[in-house]
């Protein structure tokens, strides 16, 4: 019979996204086998992130201060804003080291079936930023799925009349991919988004 504290730890770990019961058990046993200071440091890190990290007042990324590092960085181009679904997407774009502008995190996508409309996203706040008049181009970097495409289309229709340049990240075949294994939608996007060499 497993001790109750261990069962409670496994149950809490299994509530994390992407963690099933077996992985939760492995993590719990790892914590149990580790020195006591590891468990204290892990607990302190979780507590600290809950107490200190919040949303940036401008772009809604994560920060310890009022504005995040991206919004405070004067070297970044404030005229170009990349709109992403969530902070994980922002981090993925940052890893490329290609984008030098600012960000706006929607914290979701339009999904009528799940009751997520424009009012549940950070679209109003984006409009406030646009009314400041500094932004010239908006890059919509939502995922190429049904909800991401619907969100991109909604933003384009909302923002184009404002005279703003609205662009969408390119979609198509991944580097190293084979044409014969690509699905029809991906191939169609790759063909329509072709560029001159």
C-alpha atoms as a PDB file:
ATOM      1  CA  UNK A   1       0.000   0.000   0.000  1.00  0.00           C
ATOM      2  CA  UNK A   2       1.407   3.400  -1.026  1.00  0.00           C
ATOM      3  CA  UNK A   3       1.708   6.102   1.666  1.00  0.00           C
ATOM      4  CA  UNK A   4      -0.908   8.869   1.466  1.00  0.00           C
ATOM      5  CA  UNK A   5       1.621  11.737   1.039  1.00  0.00           C
ATOM      6  CA  UNK A   6       3.107   9.952  -1.982  1.00  0.00           C
ATOM      7  CA  UNK A   7      -0.384   9.348  -3.443  1.00  0.00           C
ATOM      8  CA  UNK A   8      -1.214  13.033  -2.987  1.00  0.00           C
ATOM      9  CA  UNK A   9       2.028  14.079  -4.706  1.00  0.00           C
ATOM     10  CA  UNK A  10       1.374  11.728  -7.635  1.00  0.00           C
ATOM     11  CA  UNK A  11      -2.200  13.041  -7.908  1.00  0.00           C
ATOM     12  CA  UNK A  12      -0.992  16.675  -7.955  1.00  0.00           C
ATOM     13  CA  UNK A  13       1.750  15.993 -10.512  1.00  0.00           C
ATOM     14  CA  UNK A  14      -0.709  14.117 -12.742  1.00  0.00           C
ATOM     15  CA  UNK A  15      -2.824  17.302 -12.927  1.00  0.00           C
ATOM     16  CA  UNK A  16      -0.018  19.041 -14.847  1.00  0.00           C
ATOM     17  CA  UNK A  17      -0.602  19.243 -18.622  1.00  0.00           C
ATOM     18  CA  UNK A  18       1.056  16.449 -20.553  1.00  0.00           C
ATOM     19  CA  UNK A  19       1.772  14.419 -17.406  1.00  0.00           C
ATOM     20  CA  UNK A  20       0.019  11.083 -17.113  1.00  0.00           C
ATOM     21  CA  UNK A  21      -0.123   8.906 -14.024  1.00  0.00           C
ATOM     22  CA  UNK A  22       3.009   6.877 -14.879  1.00  0.00           C
ATOM     23  CA  UNK A  23       5.079  10.015 -15.491  1.00  0.00           C
ATOM     24  CA  UNK A  24       3.676  11.523 -12.304  1.00  0.00           C
ATOM     25  CA  UNK A  25       4.791   8.416 -10.399  1.00  0.00           C
ATOM     26  CA  UNK A  26       8.312   8.643 -11.887  1.00  0.00           C
ATOM     27  CA  UNK A  27       8.526  12.324 -10.935  1.00  0.00           C
ATOM     28  CA  UNK A  28       7.238  11.613  -7.417  1.00  0.00           C
ATOM     29  CA  UNK A  29       9.796   8.832  -6.906  1.00  0.00           C
ATOM     30  CA  UNK A  30      12.541  11.112  -8.238  1.00  0.00           C
ATOM     31  CA  UNK A  31      11.568  13.771  -5.691  1.00  0.00           C
ATOM     32  CA  UNK A  32      11.401  11.129  -2.954  1.00  0.00           C
ATOM     33  CA  UNK A  33      14.900   9.812  -3.799  1.00  0.00           C
ATOM     34  CA  UNK A  34      16.425  13.299  -4.076  1.00  0.00           C
ATOM     35  CA  UNK A  35      18.080  15.087  -1.150  1.00  0.00           C
ATOM     36  CA  UNK A  36      15.677  17.081   1.067  1.00  0.00           C
ATOM     37  CA  UNK A  37      17.122  20.397  -0.174  1.00  0.00           C
ATOM     38  CA  UNK A  38      15.974  19.553  -3.722  1.00  0.00           C
ATOM     39  CA  UNK A  39      12.364  19.245  -2.550  1.00  0.00           C
ATOM     40  CA  UNK A  40      12.685  22.510  -0.606  1.00  0.00           C
ATOM     41  CA  UNK A  41      14.168  24.326  -3.632  1.00  0.00           C
ATOM     42  CA  UNK A  42      11.462  22.934  -5.931  1.00  0.00           C
ATOM     43  CA  UNK A  43       8.751  23.974  -3.502  1.00  0.00           C
ATOM     44  CA  UNK A  44      10.289  27.442  -3.086  1.00  0.00           C
ATOM     45  CA  UNK A  45      10.558  27.907  -6.878  1.00  0.00           C
ATOM     46  CA  UNK A  46       6.887  27.007  -7.344  1.00  0.00           C
ATOM     47  CA  UNK A  47       5.848  29.346  -4.534  1.00  0.00           C
ATOM     48  CA  UNK A  48       8.032  32.177  -5.896  1.00  0.00           C
ATOM     49  CA  UNK A  49       6.661  31.929  -9.429  1.00  0.00           C
ATOM     50  CA  UNK A  50       3.090  32.076  -8.099  1.00  0.00           C
ATOM     51  CA  UNK A  51       3.867  35.112  -5.928  1.00  0.00           C
ATOM     52  CA  UNK A  52       6.104  37.169  -8.232  1.00  0.00           C
ATOM     53  CA  UNK A  53       5.289  36.427 -11.872  1.00  0.00           C
ATOM     54  CA  UNK A  54       2.326  38.210 -13.477  1.00  0.00           C
ATOM     55  CA  UNK A  55       1.223  39.571 -16.850  1.00  0.00           C
ATOM     56  CA  UNK A  56       3.003  42.517 -18.456  1.00  0.00           C
ATOM     57  CA  UNK A  57       0.803  45.612 -18.385  1.00  0.00           C
ATOM     58  CA  UNK A  58       1.403  46.275 -22.115  1.00  0.00           C
ATOM     59  CA  UNK A  59       1.903  43.033 -24.047  1.00  0.00           C
ATOM     60  CA  UNK A  60       0.600  40.435 -21.546  1.00  0.00           C
ATOM     61  CA  UNK A  61       3.742  38.332 -21.565  1.00  0.00           C
ATOM     62  CA  UNK A  62       5.103  37.197 -18.194  1.00  0.00           C
ATOM     63  CA  UNK A  63       7.178  39.457 -15.972  1.00  0.00           C
ATOM     64  CA  UNK A  64       8.184  40.270 -12.415  1.00  0.00           C
ATOM     65  CA  UNK A  65       7.903  44.006 -13.079  1.00  0.00           C
ATOM     66  CA  UNK A  66       5.143  46.215 -14.486  1.00  0.00           C
ATOM     67  CA  UNK A  67       6.534  45.866 -18.033  1.00  0.00           C
ATOM     68  CA  UNK A  68       8.349  42.804 -19.368  1.00  0.00           C
ATOM     69  CA  UNK A  69      11.863  42.856 -20.777  1.00  0.00           C
ATOM     70  CA  UNK A  70      10.583  42.981 -24.366  1.00  0.00           C
ATOM     71  CA  UNK A  71       8.506  46.101 -23.698  1.00  0.00           C
ATOM     72  CA  UNK A  72      11.331  47.796 -21.752  1.00  0.00           C
ATOM     73  CA  UNK A  73      14.009  47.053 -24.369  1.00  0.00           C
ATOM     74  CA  UNK A  74      14.560  50.267 -26.388  1.00  0.00           C
ATOM     75  CA  UNK A  75      16.518  48.313 -29.023  1.00  0.00           C
ATOM     76  CA  UNK A  76      13.362  46.473 -30.110  1.00  0.00           C
ATOM     77  CA  UNK A  77      11.300  48.029 -32.913  1.00  0.00           C
ATOM     78  CA  UNK A  78       8.072  49.317 -31.381  1.00  0.00           C
ATOM     79  CA  UNK A  79       6.582  49.855 -34.864  1.00  0.00           C
ATOM     80  CA  UNK A  80       6.301  46.100 -35.500  1.00  0.00           C
ATOM     81  CA  UNK A  81       4.226  43.895 -33.173  1.00  0.00           C
ATOM     82  CA  UNK A  82       3.924  40.119 -33.389  1.00  0.00           C
ATOM     83  CA  UNK A  83       0.606  38.777 -32.091  1.00  0.00           C
ATOM     84  CA  UNK A  84       0.833  35.287 -30.575  1.00  0.00           C
ATOM     85  CA  UNK A  85      -1.634  32.933 -28.905  1.00  0.00           C
ATOM     86  CA  UNK A  86       0.348  32.333 -25.713  1.00  0.00           C
ATOM     87  CA  UNK A  87       3.663  32.906 -23.971  1.00  0.00           C
ATOM     88  CA  UNK A  88       5.035  29.549 -25.161  1.00  0.00           C
ATOM     89  CA  UNK A  89       4.586  30.738 -28.774  1.00  0.00           C
ATOM     90  CA  UNK A  90       6.375  34.005 -27.936  1.00  0.00           C
ATOM     91  CA  UNK A  91       9.293  32.018 -26.525  1.00  0.00           C
ATOM     92  CA  UNK A  92       9.415  29.822 -29.645  1.00  0.00           C
ATOM     93  CA  UNK A  93       9.677  32.917 -31.864  1.00  0.00           C
ATOM     94  CA  UNK A  94      12.344  34.410 -29.609  1.00  0.00           C
ATOM     95  CA  UNK A  95      14.457  31.240 -29.923  1.00  0.00           C
ATOM     96  CA  UNK A  96      14.796  31.962 -33.658  1.00  0.00           C
ATOM     97  CA  UNK A  97      16.583  35.269 -32.856  1.00  0.00           C
ATOM     98  CA  UNK A  98      14.996  36.670 -36.057  1.00  0.00           C
ATOM     99  CA  UNK A  99      12.254  38.913 -34.701  1.00  0.00           C
ATOM    100  CA  UNK A 100      13.375  42.297 -33.330  1.00  0.00           C
ATOM    101  CA  UNK A 101       9.992  43.914 -32.696  1.00  0.00           C
ATOM    102  CA  UNK A 102       7.554  43.792 -29.792  1.00  0.00           C
ATOM    103  CA  UNK A 103       4.848  41.279 -28.897  1.00  0.00           C
ATOM    104  CA  UNK A 104       1.197  41.048 -27.936  1.00  0.00           C
ATOM    105  CA  UNK A 105      -0.072  37.851 -26.272  1.00  0.00           C
ATOM    106  CA  UNK A 106      -3.761  37.058 -26.831  1.00  0.00           C
ATOM    107  CA  UNK A 107      -3.908  34.260 -24.220  1.00  0.00           C
ATOM    108  CA  UNK A 108      -5.981  32.038 -26.462  1.00  0.00           C
ATOM    109  CA  UNK A 109      -7.747  31.913 -29.821  1.00  0.00           C
ATOM    110  CA  UNK A 110     -11.314  32.307 -30.991  1.00  0.00           C
ATOM    111  CA  UNK A 111     -13.216  29.099 -30.358  1.00  0.00           C
ATOM    112  CA  UNK A 112     -17.016  29.504 -30.405  1.00  0.00           C
ATOM    113  CA  UNK A 113     -17.541  25.835 -29.525  1.00  0.00           C
ATOM    114  CA  UNK A 114     -15.624  26.391 -26.283  1.00  0.00           C
ATOM    115  CA  UNK A 115     -17.264  29.745 -25.629  1.00  0.00           C
ATOM    116  CA  UNK A 116     -14.154  31.800 -26.426  1.00  0.00           C
ATOM    117  CA  UNK A 117     -15.006  34.978 -28.289  1.00  0.00           C
ATOM    118  CA  UNK A 118     -13.101  38.235 -28.855  1.00  0.00           C
ATOM    119  CA  UNK A 119     -13.997  39.480 -25.363  1.00  0.00           C
ATOM    120  CA  UNK A 120     -12.154  36.554 -23.746  1.00  0.00           C
ATOM    121  CA  UNK A 121      -8.910  37.419 -25.547  1.00  0.00           C
ATOM    122  CA  UNK A 122      -6.599  40.434 -25.153  1.00  0.00           C
ATOM    123  CA  UNK A 123      -7.929  42.073 -28.344  1.00  0.00           C
ATOM    124  CA  UNK A 124      -9.316  45.214 -26.665  1.00  0.00           C
ATOM    125  CA  UNK A 125      -5.897  45.850 -25.153  1.00  0.00           C
ATOM    126  CA  UNK A 126      -4.319  45.423 -28.598  1.00  0.00           C
ATOM    127  CA  UNK A 127      -6.673  48.061 -29.989  1.00  0.00           C
ATOM    128  CA  UNK A 128      -5.624  50.443 -27.196  1.00  0.00           C
ATOM    129  CA  UNK A 129      -1.974  49.923 -28.189  1.00  0.00           C
ATOM    130  CA  UNK A 130      -2.810  50.518 -31.850  1.00  0.00           C
ATOM    131  CA  UNK A 131      -4.591  53.785 -31.021  1.00  0.00           C
ATOM    132  CA  UNK A 132      -1.329  55.115 -29.547  1.00  0.00           C
ATOM    133  CA  UNK A 133      -0.199  55.409 -33.184  1.00  0.00           C
ATOM    134  CA  UNK A 134       3.302  53.921 -32.889  1.00  0.00           C
ATOM    135  CA  UNK A 135       2.554  50.528 -34.457  1.00  0.00           C
ATOM    136  CA  UNK A 136       2.871  50.291 -38.261  1.00  0.00           C
ATOM    137  CA  UNK A 137       2.800  46.537 -38.835  1.00  0.00           C
ATOM    138  CA  UNK A 138       1.098  43.686 -37.057  1.00  0.00           C
ATOM    139  CA  UNK A 139       2.366  40.153 -37.672  1.00  0.00           C
ATOM    140  CA  UNK A 140      -0.279  37.559 -36.824  1.00  0.00           C
ATOM    141  CA  UNK A 141       1.513  34.435 -35.606  1.00  0.00           C
ATOM    142  CA  UNK A 142      -1.343  32.202 -34.496  1.00  0.00           C
ATOM    143  CA  UNK A 143      -1.170  28.459 -35.096  1.00  0.00           C
ATOM    144  CA  UNK A 144      -2.213  27.124 -38.527  1.00  0.00           C
ATOM    145  CA  UNK A 145      -5.230  25.254 -37.147  1.00  0.00           C
ATOM    146  CA  UNK A 146      -8.930  26.074 -37.442  1.00  0.00           C
ATOM    147  CA  UNK A 147      -9.020  28.325 -34.363  1.00  0.00           C
ATOM    148  CA  UNK A 148      -5.724  30.031 -35.195  1.00  0.00           C
ATOM    149  CA  UNK A 149      -6.838  30.724 -38.759  1.00  0.00           C
ATOM    150  CA  UNK A 150     -10.202  32.065 -37.552  1.00  0.00           C
ATOM    151  CA  UNK A 151      -8.407  34.369 -35.112  1.00  0.00           C
ATOM    152  CA  UNK A 152      -6.021  35.584 -37.824  1.00  0.00           C
ATOM    153  CA  UNK A 153      -8.937  36.278 -40.172  1.00  0.00           C
ATOM    154  CA  UNK A 154     -10.849  38.126 -37.430  1.00  0.00           C
ATOM    155  CA  UNK A 155      -7.832  40.306 -36.599  1.00  0.00           C
ATOM    156  CA  UNK A 156      -7.169  41.036 -40.278  1.00  0.00           C
ATOM    157  CA  UNK A 157     -10.764  42.127 -40.906  1.00  0.00           C
ATOM    158  CA  UNK A 158     -10.750  44.217 -37.720  1.00  0.00           C
ATOM    159  CA  UNK A 159      -7.405  45.941 -38.298  1.00  0.00           C
ATOM    160  CA  UNK A 160      -7.034  46.371 -42.084  1.00  0.00           C
ATOM    161  CA  UNK A 161      -9.581  49.244 -42.202  1.00  0.00           C
ATOM    162  CA  UNK A 162      -7.352  51.119 -39.741  1.00  0.00           C
ATOM    163  CA  UNK A 163      -4.729  51.456 -42.503  1.00  0.00           C
ATOM    164  CA  UNK A 164      -2.359  49.171 -40.633  1.00  0.00           C
ATOM    165  CA  UNK A 165      -0.126  46.676 -42.433  1.00  0.00           C
ATOM    166  CA  UNK A 166      -1.287  43.245 -41.265  1.00  0.00           C
ATOM    167  CA  UNK A 167       0.784  40.204 -42.238  1.00  0.00           C
ATOM    168  CA  UNK A 168       0.611  36.494 -41.431  1.00  0.00           C
ATOM    169  CA  UNK A 169       3.545  34.222 -40.753  1.00  0.00           C
ATOM    170  CA  UNK A 170       4.300  31.968 -43.721  1.00  0.00           C
ATOM    171  CA  UNK A 171       2.995  28.427 -43.712  1.00  0.00           C
ATOM    172  CA  UNK A 172       3.982  25.402 -45.687  1.00  0.00           C
ATOM    173  CA  UNK A 173       6.551  22.654 -45.723  1.00  0.00           C
ATOM    174  CA  UNK A 174       9.036  22.256 -42.881  1.00  0.00           C
ATOM    175  CA  UNK A 175      12.777  22.262 -43.589  1.00  0.00           C
ATOM    176  CA  UNK A 176      13.905  18.704 -44.248  1.00  0.00           C
ATOM    177  CA  UNK A 177      10.360  17.534 -45.048  1.00  0.00           C
ATOM    178  CA  UNK A 178       9.411  15.336 -48.003  1.00  0.00           C
ATOM    179  CA  UNK A 179       6.728  16.448 -50.460  1.00  0.00           C
ATOM    180  CA  UNK A 180       5.309  12.941 -50.758  1.00  0.00           C
ATOM    181  CA  UNK A 181       4.470  12.862 -47.028  1.00  0.00           C
ATOM    182  CA  UNK A 182       2.927  16.334 -46.814  1.00  0.00           C
ATOM    183  CA  UNK A 183      -0.838  16.616 -46.523  1.00  0.00           C
ATOM    184  CA  UNK A 184      -2.869  18.451 -49.179  1.00  0.00           C
ATOM    185  CA  UNK A 185      -3.579  21.522 -47.041  1.00  0.00           C
ATOM    186  CA  UNK A 186       0.107  22.012 -46.222  1.00  0.00           C
ATOM    187  CA  UNK A 187       1.113  21.652 -49.878  1.00  0.00           C
ATOM    188  CA  UNK A 188      -1.622  24.070 -50.936  1.00  0.00           C
ATOM    189  CA  UNK A 189      -0.402  26.660 -48.379  1.00  0.00           C
ATOM    190  CA  UNK A 190       3.200  26.164 -49.520  1.00  0.00           C
ATOM    191  CA  UNK A 191       2.222  26.786 -53.142  1.00  0.00           C
ATOM    192  CA  UNK A 192       0.059  29.831 -52.449  1.00  0.00           C
ATOM    193  CA  UNK A 193       2.703  31.405 -50.169  1.00  0.00           C
ATOM    194  CA  UNK A 194       5.546  30.874 -52.661  1.00  0.00           C
ATOM    195  CA  UNK A 195       8.065  33.689 -53.214  1.00  0.00           C
ATOM    196  CA  UNK A 196      10.370  34.643 -56.017  1.00  0.00           C
ATOM    197  CA  UNK A 197      14.010  33.540 -55.733  1.00  0.00           C
END
